[in-house]
Protein backbone atom coordinates (compact mmCIF):
# COMPACT_ATOMS: atom_id res chain seq x y z
CA UNK A 1 0.00 0.00 0.00
CA UNK A 2 2.86 2.40 0.62
CA UNK A 3 3.57 5.10 3.14
CA UNK A 4 0.98 7.67 4.15
CA UNK A 5 3.05 10.34 2.38
CA UNK A 6 3.14 8.38 -0.90
CA UNK A 7 -0.61 7.72 -0.69
CA UNK A 8 -1.32 11.42 -0.11
CA UNK A 9 0.91 12.32 -3.03
CA UNK A 10 -0.82 9.81 -5.29
CA UNK A 11 -4.29 11.26 -4.61
CA UNK A 12 -3.18 14.91 -4.81
CA UNK A 13 -3.92 15.62 -1.13
CA UNK A 14 -3.32 19.20 -0.01
CA UNK A 15 -3.46 20.37 3.59
CA UNK A 16 -5.44 23.56 4.33
CA UNK A 17 -2.23 25.63 4.30
CA UNK A 18 -1.28 24.33 0.86
CA UNK A 19 -4.53 25.09 -0.97
CA UNK A 20 -6.22 28.39 -1.74
CA UNK A 21 -8.13 30.04 1.06
CA UNK A 22 -8.58 33.37 2.77
CA UNK A 23 -5.10 32.94 4.28
CA UNK A 24 -3.59 33.20 0.76
CA UNK A 25 -5.87 35.96 -0.58
CA UNK A 26 -4.55 39.39 -1.48
CA UNK A 27 -7.59 40.97 0.17
CA UNK A 28 -7.30 39.40 3.63
CA UNK A 29 -6.33 41.54 6.63
CA UNK A 30 -4.64 40.17 9.71
CA UNK A 31 -6.41 41.55 12.80
CA UNK A 32 -6.02 41.11 16.56
CA UNK A 33 -8.91 40.02 18.78
CA UNK A 34 -9.33 40.61 22.48
CA UNK A 35 -9.21 43.68 24.67
CA UNK A 36 -6.48 46.16 23.73
CA UNK A 37 -4.94 46.08 27.22
CA UNK A 38 -5.24 42.31 27.54
CA UNK A 39 -2.34 39.93 27.19
CA UNK A 40 -4.86 37.42 25.82
CA UNK A 41 -4.93 38.70 22.26
CA UNK A 42 -5.01 36.40 19.27
CA UNK A 43 -4.75 36.87 15.50
CA UNK A 44 -7.65 36.55 13.10
CA UNK A 45 -8.53 37.20 9.47
CA UNK A 46 -10.88 39.83 8.08
CA UNK A 47 -12.09 40.09 4.48
CA UNK A 48 -10.77 43.34 3.04
CA UNK A 49 -13.53 43.41 0.43
CA UNK A 50 -16.54 42.85 2.68
CA UNK A 51 -15.30 43.67 6.18
CA UNK A 52 -16.39 40.54 8.05
CA UNK A 53 -14.29 37.97 9.89
CA UNK A 54 -13.34 34.87 7.88
CA UNK A 55 -11.72 31.52 8.57
CA UNK A 56 -8.19 31.15 7.23
CA UNK A 57 -9.28 28.09 5.29
CA UNK A 58 -12.47 29.67 3.91
CA UNK A 59 -12.68 30.83 0.30
CA UNK A 60 -15.08 32.79 -1.91
CA UNK A 61 -15.51 33.37 -5.64
CA UNK A 62 -13.56 36.65 -5.38
CA UNK A 63 -10.39 34.96 -4.08
CA UNK A 64 -7.34 36.74 -5.48
CA UNK A 65 -3.94 35.08 -4.93
CA UNK A 66 -1.45 37.27 -3.06
CA UNK A 67 0.59 39.29 -5.54
CA UNK A 68 -2.42 39.81 -7.88
CA UNK A 69 -4.43 42.38 -5.91
CA UNK A 70 -7.23 43.94 -7.90
CA UNK A 71 -8.14 40.97 -10.10
CA UNK A 72 -10.59 38.28 -9.12
CA UNK A 73 -9.57 34.66 -9.65
PDB file of N, CA and C in Angstrom:
ATOM      1  N   UNK A   1       0.806  -1.198   0.000  1.00  0.00           N
ATOM      2  CA  UNK A   1       0.000   0.000   0.000  1.00  0.00           C
ATOM      3  C   UNK A   1       0.853   1.269   0.000  1.00  0.00           C
ATOM      4  N   UNK A   2       1.995   1.245   0.622  1.00  0.00           N
ATOM      5  CA  UNK A   2       2.865   2.404   0.624  1.00  0.00           C
ATOM      6  C   UNK A   2       2.731   3.233   1.883  1.00  0.00           C
ATOM      7  N   UNK A   3       3.603   4.220   1.972  1.00  0.00           N
ATOM      8  CA  UNK A   3       3.569   5.102   3.140  1.00  0.00           C
ATOM      9  C   UNK A   3       2.403   6.080   3.034  1.00  0.00           C
ATOM     10  N   UNK A   4       2.049   6.665   4.153  1.00  0.00           N
ATOM     11  CA  UNK A   4       0.979   7.675   4.149  1.00  0.00           C
ATOM     12  C   UNK A   4       1.352   8.811   3.208  1.00  0.00           C
ATOM     13  N   UNK A   5       2.604   9.235   3.243  1.00  0.00           N
ATOM     14  CA  UNK A   5       3.049  10.337   2.383  1.00  0.00           C
ATOM     15  C   UNK A   5       2.900   9.986   0.909  1.00  0.00           C
ATOM     16  N   UNK A   6       3.255   8.760   0.513  1.00  0.00           N
ATOM     17  CA  UNK A   6       3.138   8.381  -0.899  1.00  0.00           C
ATOM     18  C   UNK A   6       1.672   8.255  -1.310  1.00  0.00           C
ATOM     19  N   UNK A   7       0.828   7.795  -0.398  1.00  0.00           N
ATOM     20  CA  UNK A   7      -0.613   7.721  -0.693  1.00  0.00           C
ATOM     21  C   UNK A   7      -1.196   9.116  -0.876  1.00  0.00           C
ATOM     22  N   UNK A   8      -0.834  10.050   0.016  1.00  0.00           N
ATOM     23  CA  UNK A   8      -1.324  11.424  -0.106  1.00  0.00           C
ATOM     24  C   UNK A   8      -0.860  12.051  -1.416  1.00  0.00           C
ATOM     25  N   UNK A   9       0.383  11.793  -1.776  1.00  0.00           N
ATOM     26  CA  UNK A   9       0.912  12.324  -3.026  1.00  0.00           C
ATOM     27  C   UNK A   9       0.162  11.752  -4.221  1.00  0.00           C
ATOM     28  N   UNK A  10      -0.134  10.469  -4.181  1.00  0.00           N
ATOM     29  CA  UNK A  10      -0.821   9.809  -5.295  1.00  0.00           C
ATOM     30  C   UNK A  10      -2.240  10.339  -5.518  1.00  0.00           C
ATOM     31  N   UNK A  11      -2.914  10.766  -4.456  1.00  0.00           N
ATOM     32  CA  UNK A  11      -4.286  11.259  -4.608  1.00  0.00           C
ATOM     33  C   UNK A  11      -4.359  12.780  -4.726  1.00  0.00           C
ATOM     34  N   UNK A  12      -3.196  13.452  -4.674  1.00  0.00           N
ATOM     35  CA  UNK A  12      -3.180  14.907  -4.806  1.00  0.00           C
ATOM     36  C   UNK A  12      -3.650  15.635  -3.559  1.00  0.00           C
ATOM     37  N   UNK A  13      -3.490  15.013  -2.389  1.00  0.00           N
ATOM     38  CA  UNK A  13      -3.919  15.623  -1.132  1.00  0.00           C
ATOM     39  C   UNK A  13      -3.173  16.919  -0.862  1.00  0.00           C
ATOM     40  N   UNK A  14      -3.904  17.929  -0.440  1.00  0.00           N
ATOM     41  CA  UNK A  14      -3.316  19.198  -0.007  1.00  0.00           C
ATOM     42  C   UNK A  14      -3.875  19.542   1.363  1.00  0.00           C
ATOM     43  N   UNK A  15      -3.008  19.938   2.275  1.00  0.00           N
ATOM     44  CA  UNK A  15      -3.464  20.369   3.592  1.00  0.00           C
ATOM     45  C   UNK A  15      -4.075  21.772   3.448  1.00  0.00           C
ATOM     46  N   UNK A  16      -4.825  22.235   4.437  1.00  0.00           N
ATOM     47  CA  UNK A  16      -5.439  23.564   4.327  1.00  0.00           C
ATOM     48  C   UNK A  16      -4.437  24.682   4.027  1.00  0.00           C
ATOM     49  N   UNK A  17      -3.240  24.597   4.558  1.00  0.00           N
ATOM     50  CA  UNK A  17      -2.232  25.631   4.302  1.00  0.00           C
ATOM     51  C   UNK A  17      -1.642  25.598   2.908  1.00  0.00           C
ATOM     52  N   UNK A  18      -1.832  24.481   2.204  1.00  0.00           N
ATOM     53  CA  UNK A  18      -1.276  24.330   0.862  1.00  0.00           C
ATOM     54  C   UNK A  18      -2.259  24.679  -0.250  1.00  0.00           C
ATOM     55  N   UNK A  19      -3.548  24.775   0.069  1.00  0.00           N
ATOM     56  CA  UNK A  19      -4.527  25.092  -0.967  1.00  0.00           C
ATOM     57  C   UNK A  19      -5.029  26.517  -0.773  1.00  0.00           C
ATOM     58  N   UNK A  20      -5.698  27.037  -1.806  1.00  0.00           N
ATOM     59  CA  UNK A  20      -6.217  28.388  -1.738  1.00  0.00           C
ATOM     60  C   UNK A  20      -7.208  28.540  -0.589  1.00  0.00           C
ATOM     61  N   UNK A  21      -7.215  29.710  -0.019  1.00  0.00           N
ATOM     62  CA  UNK A  21      -8.131  30.041   1.059  1.00  0.00           C
ATOM     63  C   UNK A  21      -7.937  31.500   1.417  1.00  0.00           C
ATOM     64  N   UNK A  22      -8.708  31.968   2.359  1.00  0.00           N
ATOM     65  CA  UNK A  22      -8.580  33.366   2.774  1.00  0.00           C
ATOM     66  C   UNK A  22      -7.157  33.693   3.229  1.00  0.00           C
ATOM     67  N   UNK A  23      -6.468  32.715   3.809  1.00  0.00           N
ATOM     68  CA  UNK A  23      -5.098  32.943   4.275  1.00  0.00           C
ATOM     69  C   UNK A  23      -4.157  33.310   3.134  1.00  0.00           C
ATOM     70  N   UNK A  24      -4.472  32.920   1.902  1.00  0.00           N
ATOM     71  CA  UNK A  24      -3.592  33.196   0.765  1.00  0.00           C
ATOM     72  C   UNK A  24      -4.193  34.219  -0.196  1.00  0.00           C
ATOM     73  N   UNK A  25      -5.197  34.966   0.264  1.00  0.00           N
ATOM     74  CA  UNK A  25      -5.867  35.958  -0.583  1.00  0.00           C
ATOM     75  C   UNK A  25      -5.215  37.326  -0.420  1.00  0.00           C
ATOM     76  N   UNK A  26      -5.124  38.053  -1.510  1.00  0.00           N
ATOM     77  CA  UNK A  26      -4.548  39.394  -1.484  1.00  0.00           C
ATOM     78  C   UNK A  26      -5.411  40.372  -0.689  1.00  0.00           C
ATOM     79  N   UNK A  27      -6.677  40.053  -0.493  1.00  0.00           N
ATOM     80  CA  UNK A  27      -7.592  40.974   0.169  1.00  0.00           C
ATOM     81  C   UNK A  27      -7.749  40.742   1.672  1.00  0.00           C
ATOM     82  N   UNK A  28      -7.129  39.696   2.210  1.00  0.00           N
ATOM     83  CA  UNK A  28      -7.298  39.395   3.634  1.00  0.00           C
ATOM     84  C   UNK A  28      -6.489  40.378   4.482  1.00  0.00           C
ATOM     85  N   UNK A  29      -7.032  40.694   5.653  1.00  0.00           N
ATOM     86  CA  UNK A  29      -6.334  41.540   6.629  1.00  0.00           C
ATOM     87  C   UNK A  29      -6.121  40.735   7.894  1.00  0.00           C
ATOM     88  N   UNK A  30      -4.924  40.807   8.423  1.00  0.00           N
ATOM     89  CA  UNK A  30      -4.638  40.174   9.714  1.00  0.00           C
ATOM     90  C   UNK A  30      -5.095  41.154  10.791  1.00  0.00           C
ATOM     91  N   UNK A  31      -5.913  40.698  11.719  1.00  0.00           N
ATOM     92  CA  UNK A  31      -6.410  41.555  12.797  1.00  0.00           C
ATOM     93  C   UNK A  31      -6.179  40.861  14.135  1.00  0.00           C
ATOM     94  N   UNK A  32      -6.185  41.648  15.207  1.00  0.00           N
ATOM     95  CA  UNK A  32      -6.020  41.114  16.556  1.00  0.00           C
ATOM     96  C   UNK A  32      -7.351  41.164  17.283  1.00  0.00           C
ATOM     97  N   UNK A  33      -7.685  40.101  17.986  1.00  0.00           N
ATOM     98  CA  UNK A  33      -8.912  40.025  18.779  1.00  0.00           C
ATOM     99  C   UNK A  33      -8.553  40.145  20.248  1.00  0.00           C
ATOM    100  N   UNK A  34      -9.533  40.488  21.048  1.00  0.00           N
ATOM    101  CA  UNK A  34      -9.333  40.608  22.483  1.00  0.00           C
ATOM    102  C   UNK A  34      -9.271  42.068  22.888  1.00  0.00           C
ATOM    103  N   UNK A  35      -9.262  42.304  24.164  1.00  0.00           N
ATOM    104  CA  UNK A  35      -9.208  43.677  24.668  1.00  0.00           C
ATOM    105  C   UNK A  35      -7.833  44.270  24.424  1.00  0.00           C
ATOM    106  N   UNK A  36      -7.773  45.547  24.041  1.00  0.00           N
ATOM    107  CA  UNK A  36      -6.476  46.164  23.734  1.00  0.00           C
ATOM    108  C   UNK A  36      -5.445  46.033  24.849  1.00  0.00           C
ATOM    109  N   UNK A  37      -5.874  46.142  26.099  1.00  0.00           N
ATOM    110  CA  UNK A  37      -4.935  46.078  27.217  1.00  0.00           C
ATOM    111  C   UNK A  37      -4.690  44.649  27.688  1.00  0.00           C
ATOM    112  N   UNK A  38      -5.346  43.694  27.096  1.00  0.00           N
ATOM    113  CA  UNK A  38      -5.245  42.305  27.542  1.00  0.00           C
ATOM    114  C   UNK A  38      -4.021  41.622  26.955  1.00  0.00           C
ATOM    115  N   UNK A  39      -3.445  40.737  27.724  1.00  0.00           N
ATOM    116  CA  UNK A  39      -2.340  39.928  27.190  1.00  0.00           C
ATOM    117  C   UNK A  39      -2.892  38.718  26.451  1.00  0.00           C
ATOM    118  N   UNK A  40      -4.209  38.536  26.496  1.00  0.00           N
ATOM    119  CA  UNK A  40      -4.861  37.421  25.817  1.00  0.00           C
ATOM    120  C   UNK A  40      -5.425  37.880  24.475  1.00  0.00           C
ATOM    121  N   UNK A  41      -4.530  38.278  23.596  1.00  0.00           N
ATOM    122  CA  UNK A  41      -4.931  38.696  22.257  1.00  0.00           C
ATOM    123  C   UNK A  41      -4.533  37.592  21.285  1.00  0.00           C
ATOM    124  N   UNK A  42      -5.298  37.450  20.231  1.00  0.00           N
ATOM    125  CA  UNK A  42      -5.009  36.397  19.267  1.00  0.00           C
ATOM    126  C   UNK A  42      -5.299  36.906  17.854  1.00  0.00           C
ATOM    127  N   UNK A  43      -4.577  36.396  16.867  1.00  0.00           N
ATOM    128  CA  UNK A  43      -4.753  36.867  15.496  1.00  0.00           C
ATOM    129  C   UNK A  43      -6.010  36.288  14.849  1.00  0.00           C
ATOM    130  N   UNK A  44      -6.511  37.004  13.877  1.00  0.00           N
ATOM    131  CA  UNK A  44      -7.653  36.552  13.097  1.00  0.00           C
ATOM    132  C   UNK A  44      -7.555  37.095  11.687  1.00  0.00           C
ATOM    133  N   UNK A  45      -8.519  36.764  10.858  1.00  0.00           N
ATOM    134  CA  UNK A  45      -8.533  37.205   9.467  1.00  0.00           C
ATOM    135  C   UNK A  45      -9.835  37.937   9.177  1.00  0.00           C
ATOM    136  N   UNK A  46      -9.714  39.047   8.477  1.00  0.00           N
ATOM    137  CA  UNK A  46     -10.880  39.835   8.079  1.00  0.00           C
ATOM    138  C   UNK A  46     -10.835  40.023   6.570  1.00  0.00           C
ATOM    139  N   UNK A  47     -12.003  39.877   5.913  1.00  0.00           N
ATOM    140  CA  UNK A  47     -12.088  40.091   4.479  1.00  0.00           C
ATOM    141  C   UNK A  47     -11.945  41.582   4.200  1.00  0.00           C
ATOM    142  N   UNK A  48     -10.973  41.950   3.391  1.00  0.00           N
ATOM    143  CA  UNK A  48     -10.765  43.344   3.044  1.00  0.00           C
ATOM    144  C   UNK A  48     -11.791  43.868   2.052  1.00  0.00           C
ATOM    145  N   UNK A  49     -12.505  42.988   1.382  1.00  0.00           N
ATOM    146  CA  UNK A  49     -13.532  43.413   0.433  1.00  0.00           C
ATOM    147  C   UNK A  49     -14.871  43.664   1.118  1.00  0.00           C
ATOM    148  N   UNK A  50     -15.205  42.803   2.081  1.00  0.00           N
ATOM    149  CA  UNK A  50     -16.538  42.852   2.675  1.00  0.00           C
ATOM    150  C   UNK A  50     -16.559  43.217   4.149  1.00  0.00           C
ATOM    151  N   UNK A  51     -15.406  43.194   4.817  1.00  0.00           N
ATOM    152  CA  UNK A  51     -15.303  43.670   6.182  1.00  0.00           C
ATOM    153  C   UNK A  51     -15.674  42.710   7.286  1.00  0.00           C
ATOM    154  N   UNK A  52     -16.031  41.464   6.987  1.00  0.00           N
ATOM    155  CA  UNK A  52     -16.391  40.537   8.052  1.00  0.00           C
ATOM    156  C   UNK A  52     -15.247  39.562   8.333  1.00  0.00           C
ATOM    157  N   UNK A  53     -15.308  38.928   9.495  1.00  0.00           N
ATOM    158  CA  UNK A  53     -14.288  37.965   9.885  1.00  0.00           C
ATOM    159  C   UNK A  53     -14.442  36.699   9.053  1.00  0.00           C
ATOM    160  N   UNK A  54     -13.335  36.095   8.685  1.00  0.00           N
ATOM    161  CA  UNK A  54     -13.338  34.874   7.881  1.00  0.00           C
ATOM    162  C   UNK A  54     -12.402  33.843   8.496  1.00  0.00           C
ATOM    163  N   UNK A  55     -12.630  32.592   8.170  1.00  0.00           N
ATOM    164  CA  UNK A  55     -11.719  31.516   8.574  1.00  0.00           C
ATOM    165  C   UNK A  55     -10.548  31.497   7.597  1.00  0.00           C
ATOM    166  N   UNK A  56      -9.379  31.208   8.096  1.00  0.00           N
ATOM    167  CA  UNK A  56      -8.194  31.155   7.234  1.00  0.00           C
ATOM    168  C   UNK A  56      -8.362  30.187   6.086  1.00  0.00           C
ATOM    169  N   UNK A  57      -9.103  29.108   6.322  1.00  0.00           N
ATOM    170  CA  UNK A  57      -9.284  28.087   5.294  1.00  0.00           C
ATOM    171  C   UNK A  57     -10.541  28.290   4.468  1.00  0.00           C
ATOM    172  N   UNK A  58     -11.285  29.367   4.718  1.00  0.00           N
ATOM    173  CA  UNK A  58     -12.466  29.672   3.909  1.00  0.00           C
ATOM    174  C   UNK A  58     -12.035  30.191   2.543  1.00  0.00           C
ATOM    175  N   UNK A  59     -12.981  30.300   1.631  1.00  0.00           N
ATOM    176  CA  UNK A  59     -12.675  30.831   0.303  1.00  0.00           C
ATOM    177  C   UNK A  59     -13.980  31.312  -0.327  1.00  0.00           C
ATOM    178  N   UNK A  60     -13.891  32.310  -1.193  1.00  0.00           N
ATOM    179  CA  UNK A  60     -15.079  32.788  -1.906  1.00  0.00           C
ATOM    180  C   UNK A  60     -14.742  32.915  -3.392  1.00  0.00           C
ATOM    181  N   UNK A  61     -15.736  33.280  -4.190  1.00  0.00           N
ATOM    182  CA  UNK A  61     -15.511  33.374  -5.638  1.00  0.00           C
ATOM    183  C   UNK A  61     -14.747  34.640  -6.036  1.00  0.00           C
ATOM    184  N   UNK A  62     -14.379  35.474  -5.080  1.00  0.00           N
ATOM    185  CA  UNK A  62     -13.564  36.652  -5.375  1.00  0.00           C
ATOM    186  C   UNK A  62     -12.134  36.476  -4.872  1.00  0.00           C
ATOM    187  N   UNK A  63     -11.749  35.236  -4.560  1.00  0.00           N
ATOM    188  CA  UNK A  63     -10.387  34.960  -4.084  1.00  0.00           C
ATOM    189  C   UNK A  63      -9.372  35.448  -5.108  1.00  0.00           C
ATOM    190  N   UNK A  64      -8.407  36.216  -4.633  1.00  0.00           N
ATOM    191  CA  UNK A  64      -7.338  36.739  -5.479  1.00  0.00           C
ATOM    192  C   UNK A  64      -6.015  36.326  -4.854  1.00  0.00           C
ATOM    193  N   UNK A  65      -5.217  35.495  -5.514  1.00  0.00           N
ATOM    194  CA  UNK A  65      -3.939  35.082  -4.930  1.00  0.00           C
ATOM    195  C   UNK A  65      -3.064  36.280  -4.582  1.00  0.00           C
ATOM    196  N   UNK A  66      -2.344  36.183  -3.473  1.00  0.00           N
ATOM    197  CA  UNK A  66      -1.447  37.273  -3.063  1.00  0.00           C
ATOM    198  C   UNK A  66      -0.506  37.582  -4.213  1.00  0.00           C
ATOM    199  N   UNK A  67      -0.257  38.856  -4.434  1.00  0.00           N
ATOM    200  CA  UNK A  67       0.587  39.291  -5.539  1.00  0.00           C
ATOM    201  C   UNK A  67      -0.219  39.683  -6.765  1.00  0.00           C
ATOM    202  N   UNK A  68      -1.546  39.460  -6.748  1.00  0.00           N
ATOM    203  CA  UNK A  68      -2.417  39.807  -7.878  1.00  0.00           C
ATOM    204  C   UNK A  68      -3.578  40.684  -7.428  1.00  0.00           C
ATOM    205  N   UNK A  69      -3.358  41.556  -6.455  1.00  0.00           N
ATOM    206  CA  UNK A  69      -4.430  42.375  -5.914  1.00  0.00           C
ATOM    207  C   UNK A  69      -5.126  43.175  -7.022  1.00  0.00           C
ATOM    208  N   UNK A  70      -6.450  43.178  -6.944  1.00  0.00           N
ATOM    209  CA  UNK A  70      -7.230  43.942  -7.900  1.00  0.00           C
ATOM    210  C   UNK A  70      -7.903  43.099  -8.967  1.00  0.00           C
ATOM    211  N   UNK A  71      -7.482  41.838  -9.101  1.00  0.00           N
ATOM    212  CA  UNK A  71      -8.136  40.975 -10.102  1.00  0.00           C
ATOM    213  C   UNK A  71      -8.721  39.753  -9.408  1.00  0.00           C
ATOM    214  N   UNK A  72      -9.947  39.438  -9.713  1.00  0.00           N
ATOM    215  CA  UNK A  72     -10.592  38.275  -9.122  1.00  0.00           C
ATOM    216  C   UNK A  72     -10.156  37.007  -9.833  1.00  0.00           C
ATOM    217  N   UNK A  73     -10.008  35.937  -9.061  1.00  0.00           N
ATOM    218  CA  UNK A  73      -9.567  34.659  -9.650  1.00  0.00           C
ATOM    219  C   UNK A  73     -10.701  33.964 -10.345  1.00  0.00           C
TER     220      UNK A  73
END
